[in-house]
PDB file of N, CA and C in Angstrom:
ATOM      1  N   MET A   1     151.402  38.202  52.583  1.00  0.00           N
ATOM      2  CA  MET A   1     152.252  38.715  51.518  1.00  0.00           C
ATOM      3  C   MET A   1     152.549  37.612  50.522  1.00  0.00           C
ATOM      4  N   SER A   2     152.648  37.976  49.283  1.00  0.00           N
ATOM      5  CA  SER A   2     152.936  37.021  48.224  1.00  0.00           C
ATOM      6  C   SER A   2     154.390  36.585  48.299  1.00  0.00           C
ATOM      7  N   PRO A   3     154.649  35.334  47.921  1.00  0.00           N
ATOM      8  CA  PRO A   3     156.040  34.885  47.896  1.00  0.00           C
ATOM      9  C   PRO A   3     156.820  35.644  46.833  1.00  0.00           C
ATOM     10  N   SER A   4     158.099  35.871  47.098  1.00  0.00           N
ATOM     11  CA  SER A   4     158.900  36.595  46.108  1.00  0.00           C
ATOM     12  C   SER A   4     160.254  35.925  45.941  1.00  0.00           C
ATOM     13  N   GLU A   5     160.879  36.211  44.820  1.00  0.00           N
ATOM     14  CA  GLU A   5     162.216  35.709  44.501  1.00  0.00           C
ATOM     15  C   GLU A   5     163.046  36.869  43.991  1.00  0.00           C
ATOM     16  N   LYS A   6     164.353  36.761  44.159  1.00  0.00           N
ATOM     17  CA  LYS A   6     165.266  37.780  43.635  1.00  0.00           C
ATOM     18  C   LYS A   6     166.305  37.109  42.751  1.00  0.00           C
ATOM     19  N   PHE A   7     166.610  37.782  41.652  1.00  0.00           N
ATOM     20  CA  PHE A   7     167.628  37.311  40.717  1.00  0.00           C
ATOM     21  C   PHE A   7     168.595  38.455  40.461  1.00  0.00           C
ATOM     22  N   THR A   8     169.874  38.178  40.463  1.00  0.00           N
ATOM     23  CA  THR A   8     170.869  39.178  40.088  1.00  0.00           C
ATOM     24  C   THR A   8     171.333  38.840  38.678  1.00  0.00           C
ATOM     25  N   VAL A   9     171.214  39.814  37.783  1.00  0.00           N
ATOM     26  CA  VAL A   9     171.567  39.592  36.385  1.00  0.00           C
ATOM     27  C   VAL A   9     172.444  40.737  35.885  1.00  0.00           C
ATOM     28  N   SER A  10     173.162  40.458  34.805  1.00  0.00           N
ATOM     29  CA  SER A  10     173.942  41.521  34.176  1.00  0.00           C
ATOM     30  C   SER A  10     173.003  42.371  33.328  1.00  0.00           C
ATOM     31  N   GLY A  11     173.426  43.561  32.999  1.00  0.00           N
ATOM     32  CA  GLY A  11     172.611  44.456  32.188  1.00  0.00           C
ATOM     33  C   GLY A  11     172.204  43.843  30.865  1.00  0.00           C
ATOM     34  N   SER A  12     173.104  43.071  30.260  1.00  0.00           N
ATOM     35  CA  SER A  12     172.808  42.475  28.956  1.00  0.00           C
ATOM     36  C   SER A  12     171.749  41.381  29.033  1.00  0.00           C
ATOM     37  N   GLN A  13     171.550  40.785  30.204  1.00  0.00           N
ATOM     38  CA  GLN A  13     170.572  39.712  30.372  1.00  0.00           C
ATOM     39  C   GLN A  13     169.231  40.212  30.907  1.00  0.00           C
ATOM     40  N   LEU A  14     169.151  41.468  31.262  1.00  0.00           N
ATOM     41  CA  LEU A  14     167.996  42.007  31.971  1.00  0.00           C
ATOM     42  C   LEU A  14     166.682  41.853  31.219  1.00  0.00           C
ATOM     43  N   VAL A  15     166.610  42.311  29.993  1.00  0.00           N
ATOM     44  CA  VAL A  15     165.352  42.278  29.238  1.00  0.00           C
ATOM     45  C   VAL A  15     164.900  40.837  29.005  1.00  0.00           C
ATOM     46  N   GLU A  16     165.819  39.965  28.630  1.00  0.00           N
ATOM     47  CA  GLU A  16     165.449  38.572  28.379  1.00  0.00           C
ATOM     48  C   GLU A  16     164.932  37.890  29.644  1.00  0.00           C
ATOM     49  N   LYS A  17     165.540  38.170  30.782  1.00  0.00           N
ATOM     50  CA  LYS A  17     165.087  37.575  32.038  1.00  0.00           C
ATOM     51  C   LYS A  17     163.703  38.082  32.410  1.00  0.00           C
ATOM     52  N   VAL A  18     163.437  39.374  32.233  1.00  0.00           N
ATOM     53  CA  VAL A  18     162.114  39.933  32.537  1.00  0.00           C
ATOM     54  C   VAL A  18     161.069  39.304  31.616  1.00  0.00           C
ATOM     55  N   LYS A  19     161.360  39.172  30.320  1.00  0.00           N
ATOM     56  CA  LYS A  19     160.426  38.531  29.386  1.00  0.00           C
ATOM     57  C   LYS A  19     160.143  37.096  29.812  1.00  0.00           C
ATOM     58  N   GLN A  20     161.195  36.373  30.175  1.00  0.00           N
ATOM     59  CA  GLN A  20     161.045  34.979  30.605  1.00  0.00           C
ATOM     60  C   GLN A  20     160.127  34.889  31.825  1.00  0.00           C
ATOM     61  N   LEU A  21     160.323  35.775  32.780  1.00  0.00           N
ATOM     62  CA  LEU A  21     159.501  35.769  33.990  1.00  0.00           C
ATOM     63  C   LEU A  21     158.042  36.076  33.679  1.00  0.00           C
ATOM     64  N   ILE A  22     157.800  37.029  32.787  1.00  0.00           N
ATOM     65  CA  ILE A  22     156.424  37.377  32.413  1.00  0.00           C
ATOM     66  C   ILE A  22     155.752  36.193  31.720  1.00  0.00           C
ATOM     67  N   HIS A  23     156.498  35.474  30.883  1.00  0.00           N
ATOM     68  CA  HIS A  23     155.940  34.313  30.180  1.00  0.00           C
ATOM     69  C   HIS A  23     155.548  33.187  31.134  1.00  0.00           C
ATOM     70  N   GLU A  24     156.166  33.126  32.302  1.00  0.00           N
ATOM     71  CA  GLU A  24     155.818  32.083  33.271  1.00  0.00           C
ATOM     72  C   GLU A  24     154.353  32.177  33.683  1.00  0.00           C
ATOM     73  N   GLY A  25     153.817  33.391  33.697  1.00  0.00           N
ATOM     74  CA  GLY A  25     152.394  33.566  33.923  1.00  0.00           C
ATOM     75  C   GLY A  25     151.927  33.562  35.368  1.00  0.00           C
ATOM     76  N   ASN A  26     152.772  33.271  36.330  1.00  0.00           N
ATOM     77  CA  ASN A  26     152.344  33.275  37.730  1.00  0.00           C
ATOM     78  C   ASN A  26     152.961  34.447  38.495  1.00  0.00           C
ATOM     79  N   ILE A  27     153.166  35.542  37.788  1.00  0.00           N
ATOM     80  CA  ILE A  27     153.837  36.706  38.345  1.00  0.00           C
ATOM     81  C   ILE A  27     152.830  37.834  38.578  1.00  0.00           C
ATOM     82  N   ARG A  28     152.864  38.431  39.744  1.00  0.00           N
ATOM     83  CA  ARG A  28     151.998  39.559  40.075  1.00  0.00           C
ATOM     84  C   ARG A  28     152.710  40.887  39.799  1.00  0.00           C
ATOM     85  N   ARG A  29     154.010  40.952  40.089  1.00  0.00           N
ATOM     86  CA  ARG A  29     154.740  42.209  39.951  1.00  0.00           C
ATOM     87  C   ARG A  29     156.225  41.901  39.743  1.00  0.00           C
ATOM     88  N   VAL A  30     156.872  42.713  38.898  1.00  0.00           N
ATOM     89  CA  VAL A  30     158.311  42.603  38.652  1.00  0.00           C
ATOM     90  C   VAL A  30     158.930  43.946  38.993  1.00  0.00           C
ATOM     91  N   ARG A  31     159.981  43.925  39.806  1.00  0.00           N
ATOM     92  CA  ARG A  31     160.718  45.151  40.136  1.00  0.00           C
ATOM     93  C   ARG A  31     162.164  44.995  39.686  1.00  0.00           C
ATOM     94  N   VAL A  32     162.701  46.039  39.076  1.00  0.00           N
ATOM     95  CA  VAL A  32     164.118  46.087  38.721  1.00  0.00           C
ATOM     96  C   VAL A  32     164.775  47.028  39.712  1.00  0.00           C
ATOM     97  N   ILE A  33     165.760  46.506  40.434  1.00  0.00           N
ATOM     98  CA  ILE A  33     166.416  47.260  41.501  1.00  0.00           C
ATOM     99  C   ILE A  33     167.886  47.441  41.139  1.00  0.00           C
ATOM    100  N   HIS A  34     168.365  48.668  41.264  1.00  0.00           N
ATOM    101  CA  HIS A  34     169.777  48.975  41.005  1.00  0.00           C
ATOM    102  C   HIS A  34     170.297  49.802  42.171  1.00  0.00           C
ATOM    103  N   GLU A  35     171.369  49.336  42.773  1.00  0.00           N
ATOM    104  CA  GLU A  35     171.989  50.001  43.918  1.00  0.00           C
ATOM    105  C   GLU A  35     170.983  50.284  45.033  1.00  0.00           C
ATOM    106  N   GLY A  36     170.115  49.301  45.299  1.00  0.00           N
ATOM    107  CA  GLY A  36     169.175  49.406  46.401  1.00  0.00           C
ATOM    108  C   GLY A  36     167.922  50.230  46.133  1.00  0.00           C
ATOM    109  N   LYS A  37     167.793  50.784  44.938  1.00  0.00           N
ATOM    110  CA  LYS A  37     166.625  51.602  44.604  1.00  0.00           C
ATOM    111  C   LYS A  37     165.825  50.954  43.487  1.00  0.00           C
ATOM    112  N   THR A  38     164.499  50.978  43.610  1.00  0.00           N
ATOM    113  CA  THR A  38     163.637  50.451  42.558  1.00  0.00           C
ATOM    114  C   THR A  38     163.668  51.401  41.376  1.00  0.00           C
ATOM    115  N   VAL A  39     164.080  50.882  40.224  1.00  0.00           N
ATOM    116  CA  VAL A  39     164.192  51.681  39.010  1.00  0.00           C
ATOM    117  C   VAL A  39     162.941  51.519  38.151  1.00  0.00           C
ATOM    118  N   PHE A  40     162.452  50.292  38.036  1.00  0.00           N
ATOM    119  CA  PHE A  40     161.234  49.985  37.285  1.00  0.00           C
ATOM    120  C   PHE A  40     160.377  49.055  38.114  1.00  0.00           C
ATOM    121  N   GLU A  41     159.073  49.222  37.997  1.00  0.00           N
ATOM    122  CA  GLU A  41     158.130  48.314  38.635  1.00  0.00           C
ATOM    123  C   GLU A  41     157.036  48.023  37.618  1.00  0.00           C
ATOM    124  N   ILE A  42     156.841  46.748  37.319  1.00  0.00           N
ATOM    125  CA  ILE A  42     155.862  46.348  36.321  1.00  0.00           C
ATOM    126  C   ILE A  42     154.771  45.538  37.017  1.00  0.00           C
ATOM    127  N   PRO A  43     153.595  46.128  37.236  1.00  0.00           N
ATOM    128  CA  PRO A  43     152.482  45.347  37.781  1.00  0.00           C
ATOM    129  C   PRO A  43     151.822  44.560  36.650  1.00  0.00           C
ATOM    130  N   LEU A  44     151.523  43.302  36.897  1.00  0.00           N
ATOM    131  CA  LEU A  44     150.908  42.467  35.873  1.00  0.00           C
ATOM    132  C   LEU A  44     149.520  42.053  36.328  1.00  0.00           C
ATOM    133  N   SER A  45     148.587  42.035  35.396  1.00  0.00           N
ATOM    134  CA  SER A  45     147.206  41.658  35.705  1.00  0.00           C
ATOM    135  C   SER A  45     147.138  40.179  36.054  1.00  0.00           C
ATOM    136  N   ILE A  46     146.386  39.885  37.087  1.00  0.00           N
ATOM    137  CA  ILE A  46     146.188  38.490  37.457  1.00  0.00           C
ATOM    138  C   ILE A  46     145.295  37.839  36.416  1.00  0.00           C
ATOM    139  N   GLY A  47     145.726  36.712  35.914  1.00  0.00           N
ATOM    140  CA  GLY A  47     144.934  35.983  34.940  1.00  0.00           C
ATOM    141  C   GLY A  47     145.134  36.428  33.503  1.00  0.00           C
ATOM    142  N   ALA A  48     145.924  37.450  33.272  1.00  0.00           N
ATOM    143  CA  ALA A  48     146.179  37.874  31.893  1.00  0.00           C
ATOM    144  C   ALA A  48     147.093  36.854  31.223  1.00  0.00           C
ATOM    145  N   PRO A  49     146.777  36.466  29.995  1.00  0.00           N
ATOM    146  CA  PRO A  49     147.667  35.543  29.283  1.00  0.00           C
ATOM    147  C   PRO A  49     149.053  36.167  29.134  1.00  0.00           C
ATOM    148  N   ALA A  50     150.066  35.321  29.160  1.00  0.00           N
ATOM    149  CA  ALA A  50     151.444  35.813  29.098  1.00  0.00           C
ATOM    150  C   ALA A  50     151.701  36.647  27.855  1.00  0.00           C
ATOM    151  N   ALA A  51     151.158  36.233  26.705  1.00  0.00           N
ATOM    152  CA  ALA A  51     151.383  36.988  25.464  1.00  0.00           C
ATOM    153  C   ALA A  51     150.804  38.396  25.572  1.00  0.00           C
ATOM    154  N   ALA A  52     149.626  38.508  26.168  1.00  0.00           N
ATOM    155  CA  ALA A  52     149.011  39.827  26.347  1.00  0.00           C
ATOM    156  C   ALA A  52     149.816  40.665  27.326  1.00  0.00           C
ATOM    157  N   ALA A  53     150.325  40.043  28.368  1.00  0.00           N
ATOM    158  CA  ALA A  53     151.119  40.771  29.358  1.00  0.00           C
ATOM    159  C   ALA A  53     152.393  41.322  28.731  1.00  0.00           C
ATOM    160  N   VAL A  54     153.038  40.532  27.880  1.00  0.00           N
ATOM    161  CA  VAL A  54     154.256  41.003  27.209  1.00  0.00           C
ATOM    162  C   VAL A  54     153.920  42.148  26.260  1.00  0.00           C
ATOM    163  N   ALA A  55     152.815  42.040  25.548  1.00  0.00           N
ATOM    164  CA  ALA A  55     152.419  43.105  24.623  1.00  0.00           C
ATOM    165  C   ALA A  55     152.133  44.398  25.372  1.00  0.00           C
ATOM    166  N   LEU A  56     151.458  44.292  26.508  1.00  0.00           N
ATOM    167  CA  LEU A  56     151.165  45.481  27.301  1.00  0.00           C
ATOM    168  C   LEU A  56     152.424  46.068  27.933  1.00  0.00           C
ATOM    169  N   ALA A  57     153.385  45.222  28.228  1.00  0.00           N
ATOM    170  CA  ALA A  57     154.614  45.678  28.874  1.00  0.00           C
ATOM    171  C   ALA A  57     155.684  46.097  27.870  1.00  0.00           C
ATOM    172  N   ALA A  58     155.411  46.018  26.575  1.00  0.00           N
ATOM    173  CA  ALA A  58     156.416  46.315  25.551  1.00  0.00           C
ATOM    174  C   ALA A  58     157.079  47.683  25.723  1.00  0.00           C
ATOM    175  N   PRO A  59     156.331  48.773  25.966  1.00  0.00           N
ATOM    176  CA  PRO A  59     157.008  50.063  26.156  1.00  0.00           C
ATOM    177  C   PRO A  59     157.934  50.067  27.377  1.00  0.00           C
ATOM    178  N   VAL A  60     157.512  49.378  28.427  1.00  0.00           N
ATOM    179  CA  VAL A  60     158.346  49.296  29.625  1.00  0.00           C
ATOM    180  C   VAL A  60     159.586  48.468  29.332  1.00  0.00           C
ATOM    181  N   LEU A  61     159.426  47.393  28.563  1.00  0.00           N
ATOM    182  CA  LEU A  61     160.586  46.566  28.206  1.00  0.00           C
ATOM    183  C   LEU A  61     161.582  47.355  27.368  1.00  0.00           C
ATOM    184  N   ALA A  62     161.107  48.241  26.513  1.00  0.00           N
ATOM    185  CA  ALA A  62     162.002  49.089  25.720  1.00  0.00           C
ATOM    186  C   ALA A  62     162.791  50.019  26.640  1.00  0.00           C
ATOM    187  N   ALA A  63     162.118  50.580  27.639  1.00  0.00           N
ATOM    188  CA  ALA A  63     162.801  51.450  28.597  1.00  0.00           C
ATOM    189  C   ALA A  63     163.808  50.653  29.424  1.00  0.00           C
ATOM    190  N   ILE A  64     163.442  49.441  29.799  1.00  0.00           N
ATOM    191  CA  ILE A  64     164.368  48.589  30.556  1.00  0.00           C
ATOM    192  C   ILE A  64     165.587  48.277  29.709  1.00  0.00           C
ATOM    193  N   GLY A  65     165.385  48.070  28.403  1.00  0.00           N
ATOM    194  CA  GLY A  65     166.508  47.807  27.501  1.00  0.00           C
ATOM    195  C   GLY A  65     167.478  48.976  27.461  1.00  0.00           C
ATOM    196  N   ALA A  66     166.953  50.190  27.431  1.00  0.00           N
ATOM    197  CA  ALA A  66     167.810  51.379  27.441  1.00  0.00           C
ATOM    198  C   ALA A  66     168.561  51.489  28.763  1.00  0.00           C
ATOM    199  N   PHE A  67     167.865  51.207  29.863  1.00  0.00           N
ATOM    200  CA  PHE A  67     168.492  51.233  31.188  1.00  0.00           C
ATOM    201  C   PHE A  67     169.581  50.159  31.274  1.00  0.00           C
ATOM    202  N   ALA A  68     169.299  48.970  30.733  1.00  0.00           N
ATOM    203  CA  ALA A  68     170.239  47.855  30.803  1.00  0.00           C
ATOM    204  C   ALA A  68     171.565  48.185  30.126  1.00  0.00           C
ATOM    205  N   ALA A  69     171.521  49.024  29.109  1.00  0.00           N
ATOM    206  CA  ALA A  69     172.746  49.411  28.408  1.00  0.00           C
ATOM    207  C   ALA A  69     173.661  50.249  29.297  1.00  0.00           C
ATOM    208  N   LEU A  70     173.093  50.840  30.344  1.00  0.00           N
ATOM    209  CA  LEU A  70     173.865  51.731  31.208  1.00  0.00           C
ATOM    210  C   LEU A  70     174.411  51.063  32.466  1.00  0.00           C
ATOM    211  N   VAL A  71     173.905  49.876  32.813  1.00  0.00           N
ATOM    212  CA  VAL A  71     174.327  49.239  34.068  1.00  0.00           C
ATOM    213  C   VAL A  71     175.043  47.925  33.795  1.00  0.00           C
ATOM    214  N   THR A  72     175.871  47.531  34.735  1.00  0.00           N
ATOM    215  CA  THR A  72     176.568  46.260  34.598  1.00  0.00           C
ATOM    216  C   THR A  72     175.836  45.139  35.321  1.00  0.00           C
ATOM    217  N   GLU A  73     175.133  45.490  36.410  1.00  0.00           N
ATOM    218  CA  GLU A  73     174.438  44.466  37.176  1.00  0.00           C
ATOM    219  C   GLU A  73     173.265  45.077  37.919  1.00  0.00           C
ATOM    220  N   CYS A  74     172.173  44.317  38.028  1.00  0.00           N
ATOM    221  CA  CYS A  74     171.026  44.770  38.801  1.00  0.00           C
ATOM    222  C   CYS A  74     170.282  43.548  39.333  1.00  0.00           C
ATOM    223  N   THR A  75     169.289  43.806  40.163  1.00  0.00           N
ATOM    224  CA  THR A  75     168.505  42.742  40.777  1.00  0.00           C
ATOM    225  C   THR A  75     167.075  42.828  40.275  1.00  0.00           C
ATOM    226  N   ILE A  76     166.499  41.674  39.999  1.00  0.00           N
ATOM    227  CA  ILE A  76     165.088  41.589  39.629  1.00  0.00           C
ATOM    228  C   ILE A  76     164.376  40.923  40.795  1.00  0.00           C
ATOM    229  N   GLU A  77     163.375  41.608  41.337  1.00  0.00           N
ATOM    230  CA  GLU A  77     162.561  41.023  42.402  1.00  0.00           C
ATOM    231  C   GLU A  77     161.197  40.676  41.809  1.00  0.00           C
ATOM    232  N   VAL A  78     160.790  39.447  41.979  1.00  0.00           N
ATOM    233  CA  VAL A  78     159.550  38.948  41.393  1.00  0.00           C
ATOM    234  C   VAL A  78     158.586  38.591  42.501  1.00  0.00           C
ATOM    235  N   GLU A  79     157.403  39.182  42.456  1.00  0.00           N
ATOM    236  CA  GLU A  79     156.341  38.841  43.414  1.00  0.00           C
ATOM    237  C   GLU A  79     155.421  37.865  42.706  1.00  0.00           C
ATOM    238  N   LYS A  80     155.324  36.665  43.243  1.00  0.00           N
ATOM    239  CA  LYS A  80     154.515  35.624  42.608  1.00  0.00           C
ATOM    240  C   LYS A  80     153.111  35.603  43.157  1.00  0.00           C
ATOM    241  N   ILE A  81     152.209  35.044  42.393  1.00  0.00           N
ATOM    242  CA  ILE A  81     150.814  34.881  42.809  1.00  0.00           C
ATOM    243  C   ILE A  81     150.741  33.710  43.771  1.00  0.00           C
ATOM    244  N   GLU A  82     150.058  33.923  44.895  1.00  0.00           N
ATOM    245  CA  GLU A  82     149.903  32.850  45.868  1.00  0.00           C
ATOM    246  C   GLU A  82     148.980  31.785  45.322  1.00  0.00           C
ATOM    247  N   LYS A  83     149.365  30.555  45.548  1.00  0.00           N
ATOM    248  CA  LYS A  83     148.512  29.449  45.123  1.00  0.00           C
ATOM    249  C   LYS A  83     147.531  29.148  46.237  1.00  0.00           C
ATOM    250  N   SER A  84     146.244  29.091  45.891  1.00  0.00           N
ATOM    251  CA  SER A  84     145.218  28.831  46.896  1.00  0.00           C
ATOM    252  C   SER A  84     144.944  27.360  47.043  1.00  0.00           C
TER     253      SER A  84
END
């Protein structure tokens, strides 16, 4: 299994944190979890440049922004790419 990390963020910080994680470039999958349930799951292509990944994820980021306006706090779970 790939290593993963979890971050708890406020709704207002959600979109910026997801963008930051995608820009890191070593991310396989991002999940947004609220009250124990996965609300959004963003699979990212391995080896895709960060700029392309953000462009492809733009509609999802817009939806996350709308969701973020409704919640006060949620968790972001990040599945990282294993280093060989």
